[in-house]
N, C-alpha and C. Protein backbone atom coordinates (compact mmCIF):
# COMPACT_ATOMS: atom_id res chain seq x y z
N MET A 1 13.48 -23.76 4.78
CA MET A 1 12.21 -24.09 5.39
C MET A 1 11.11 -23.44 4.54
N THR A 2 10.09 -24.22 4.25
CA THR A 2 8.99 -23.67 3.47
C THR A 2 8.12 -22.76 4.33
N GLN A 3 7.31 -21.98 3.68
CA GLN A 3 6.38 -21.10 4.39
C GLN A 3 5.47 -21.91 5.31
N GLN A 4 4.98 -23.02 4.81
CA GLN A 4 4.08 -23.86 5.60
C GLN A 4 4.80 -24.44 6.82
N GLU A 5 6.02 -24.90 6.64
CA GLU A 5 6.80 -25.44 7.76
C GLU A 5 7.09 -24.34 8.79
N PHE A 6 7.43 -23.16 8.30
CA PHE A 6 7.73 -22.04 9.18
C PHE A 6 6.52 -21.70 10.05
N LEU A 7 5.34 -21.62 9.44
CA LEU A 7 4.14 -21.28 10.19
C LEU A 7 3.76 -22.37 11.19
N ARG A 8 3.82 -23.60 10.77
CA ARG A 8 3.49 -24.70 11.68
C ARG A 8 4.48 -24.76 12.85
N ASP A 9 5.76 -24.56 12.54
CA ASP A 9 6.78 -24.55 13.58
C ASP A 9 6.54 -23.40 14.56
N ALA A 10 6.22 -22.23 14.04
CA ALA A 10 5.97 -21.07 14.90
C ALA A 10 4.79 -21.34 15.83
N MET A 11 3.70 -21.86 15.28
CA MET A 11 2.54 -22.15 16.12
C MET A 11 2.88 -23.18 17.19
N HIS A 12 3.67 -24.17 16.80
CA HIS A 12 4.07 -25.21 17.77
C HIS A 12 4.95 -24.62 18.87
N ARG A 13 5.95 -23.82 18.47
CA ARG A 13 6.86 -23.23 19.46
C ARG A 13 6.15 -22.27 20.40
N LEU A 14 5.13 -21.59 19.89
CA LEU A 14 4.37 -20.65 20.71
C LEU A 14 3.20 -21.32 21.43
N ASN A 15 3.00 -22.61 21.12
CA ASN A 15 1.91 -23.38 21.72
C ASN A 15 0.56 -22.68 21.51
N MET A 16 0.29 -22.33 20.24
CA MET A 16 -0.95 -21.62 19.89
C MET A 16 -1.74 -22.40 18.86
N THR A 17 -3.05 -22.25 18.95
CA THR A 17 -3.93 -22.79 17.92
C THR A 17 -3.87 -21.86 16.71
N ARG A 18 -4.46 -22.28 15.62
CA ARG A 18 -4.50 -21.41 14.43
C ARG A 18 -5.23 -20.11 14.73
N ASP A 19 -6.34 -20.21 15.45
CA ASP A 19 -7.09 -18.99 15.80
C ASP A 19 -6.26 -18.05 16.66
N GLU A 20 -5.60 -18.59 17.67
CA GLU A 20 -4.76 -17.77 18.54
C GLU A 20 -3.61 -17.14 17.77
N PHE A 21 -2.99 -17.92 16.91
CA PHE A 21 -1.85 -17.44 16.14
C PHE A 21 -2.28 -16.35 15.16
N ALA A 22 -3.40 -16.56 14.49
CA ALA A 22 -3.92 -15.55 13.57
C ALA A 22 -4.18 -14.24 14.31
N ASP A 23 -4.78 -14.33 15.49
CA ASP A 23 -5.00 -13.12 16.30
C ASP A 23 -3.68 -12.47 16.68
N ARG A 24 -2.69 -13.26 17.06
CA ARG A 24 -1.40 -12.73 17.50
C ARG A 24 -0.67 -11.96 16.40
N ILE A 25 -0.79 -12.46 15.16
CA ILE A 25 -0.10 -11.79 14.06
C ILE A 25 -1.03 -10.87 13.28
N ALA A 26 -2.24 -10.68 13.80
CA ALA A 26 -3.21 -9.70 13.28
C ALA A 26 -3.62 -9.97 11.83
N VAL A 27 -3.92 -11.24 11.55
CA VAL A 27 -4.49 -11.59 10.25
C VAL A 27 -5.75 -12.41 10.49
N LYS A 28 -6.59 -12.46 9.48
CA LYS A 28 -7.79 -13.29 9.58
C LYS A 28 -7.38 -14.75 9.53
N ARG A 29 -8.19 -15.59 10.16
CA ARG A 29 -7.92 -17.03 10.18
C ARG A 29 -7.85 -17.57 8.75
N LYS A 30 -8.71 -17.08 7.87
CA LYS A 30 -8.72 -17.55 6.48
C LYS A 30 -7.39 -17.22 5.78
N THR A 31 -6.83 -16.06 6.08
CA THR A 31 -5.54 -15.68 5.51
C THR A 31 -4.46 -16.66 5.97
N LEU A 32 -4.44 -16.95 7.27
CA LEU A 32 -3.47 -17.91 7.80
C LEU A 32 -3.66 -19.27 7.14
N ASP A 33 -4.91 -19.71 7.02
CA ASP A 33 -5.19 -21.00 6.37
C ASP A 33 -4.65 -21.01 4.94
N ASN A 34 -4.82 -19.91 4.22
CA ASN A 34 -4.30 -19.84 2.85
C ASN A 34 -2.78 -19.90 2.82
N TRP A 35 -2.13 -19.30 3.79
CA TRP A 35 -0.67 -19.34 3.86
C TRP A 35 -0.16 -20.74 4.18
N ILE A 36 -0.97 -21.51 4.91
CA ILE A 36 -0.55 -22.85 5.32
C ILE A 36 -0.81 -23.90 4.23
N LEU A 37 -1.66 -23.57 3.26
CA LEU A 37 -1.92 -24.51 2.17
C LEU A 37 -0.62 -24.88 1.46
N PRO A 38 -0.55 -26.12 0.96
CA PRO A 38 0.63 -26.47 0.15
C PRO A 38 0.68 -25.56 -1.08
N PRO A 39 1.86 -25.35 -1.63
CA PRO A 39 1.97 -24.49 -2.81
C PRO A 39 1.03 -24.96 -3.93
N SER A 40 0.20 -24.04 -4.40
CA SER A 40 -0.74 -24.31 -5.48
C SER A 40 -1.30 -22.99 -5.98
N ASP A 41 -2.23 -23.07 -6.90
CA ASP A 41 -2.86 -21.85 -7.42
C ASP A 41 -3.66 -21.12 -6.36
N SER A 42 -4.25 -21.87 -5.41
CA SER A 42 -5.09 -21.24 -4.39
C SER A 42 -4.29 -20.79 -3.16
N ALA A 43 -3.07 -21.26 -3.02
CA ALA A 43 -2.23 -20.85 -1.88
C ALA A 43 -1.64 -19.47 -2.16
N ARG A 44 -1.46 -18.71 -1.10
CA ARG A 44 -0.89 -17.37 -1.25
C ARG A 44 0.46 -17.31 -0.57
N GLY A 45 1.33 -16.56 -1.18
CA GLY A 45 2.63 -16.33 -0.54
C GLY A 45 2.47 -15.33 0.59
N MET A 46 3.21 -15.55 1.64
CA MET A 46 3.16 -14.67 2.79
C MET A 46 4.08 -13.48 2.54
N PRO A 47 3.64 -12.27 2.83
CA PRO A 47 4.50 -11.10 2.62
C PRO A 47 5.77 -11.18 3.49
N ASP A 48 6.84 -10.59 2.98
CA ASP A 48 8.11 -10.58 3.72
C ASP A 48 7.94 -9.98 5.11
N MET A 49 7.10 -8.97 5.22
CA MET A 49 6.90 -8.32 6.51
C MET A 49 6.32 -9.31 7.53
N ALA A 50 5.44 -10.19 7.09
CA ALA A 50 4.85 -11.19 7.99
C ALA A 50 5.93 -12.16 8.47
N TRP A 51 6.80 -12.60 7.55
CA TRP A 51 7.91 -13.49 7.93
C TRP A 51 8.73 -12.83 9.03
N LYS A 52 9.09 -11.58 8.82
CA LYS A 52 9.94 -10.86 9.77
C LYS A 52 9.24 -10.66 11.11
N PHE A 53 7.95 -10.32 11.06
CA PHE A 53 7.18 -10.10 12.28
C PHE A 53 7.10 -11.39 13.10
N ILE A 54 6.81 -12.49 12.44
CA ILE A 54 6.71 -13.78 13.14
C ILE A 54 8.07 -14.17 13.71
N GLN A 55 9.12 -13.94 12.95
CA GLN A 55 10.46 -14.27 13.46
C GLN A 55 10.80 -13.42 14.68
N GLU A 56 10.40 -12.15 14.67
CA GLU A 56 10.61 -11.29 15.85
C GLU A 56 9.88 -11.84 17.06
N ILE A 57 8.65 -12.28 16.87
CA ILE A 57 7.87 -12.86 17.97
C ILE A 57 8.61 -14.09 18.53
N LEU A 58 9.08 -14.94 17.64
CA LEU A 58 9.79 -16.15 18.08
C LEU A 58 11.09 -15.79 18.81
N ASP A 59 11.83 -14.83 18.28
CA ASP A 59 13.08 -14.42 18.93
C ASP A 59 12.81 -13.85 20.32
N ARG A 60 11.76 -13.05 20.44
CA ARG A 60 11.41 -12.46 21.73
C ARG A 60 11.00 -13.53 22.74
N GLU A 61 10.25 -14.53 22.26
CA GLU A 61 9.84 -15.64 23.14
C GLU A 61 11.05 -16.41 23.65
N GLU A 62 12.01 -16.64 22.77
CA GLU A 62 13.21 -17.39 23.17
C GLU A 62 14.01 -16.61 24.22
N LYS A 63 14.10 -15.30 24.06
CA LYS A 63 14.84 -14.48 25.03
C LYS A 63 14.13 -14.43 26.37
N GLY A 64 12.80 -14.46 26.32
CA GLY A 64 12.02 -14.38 27.55
C GLY A 64 11.90 -15.70 28.28
N ALA A 65 12.21 -16.80 27.60
CA ALA A 65 12.06 -18.12 28.20
C ALA A 65 13.18 -18.45 29.16
């Protein structure tokens, strides 16, 4: 799964807008937007810690559902 697919899937599963999701993972909206861009010179890779943090949020949501 690409970074962009992972982020879009996470927002969908959590039923959050980009603004809400950015607040939840404690990043600026612009940072999230850059992570969602298709791979290019202007797109940024998401740090491993962010991947793990988002996955933890998703795992916790699934357990609580």
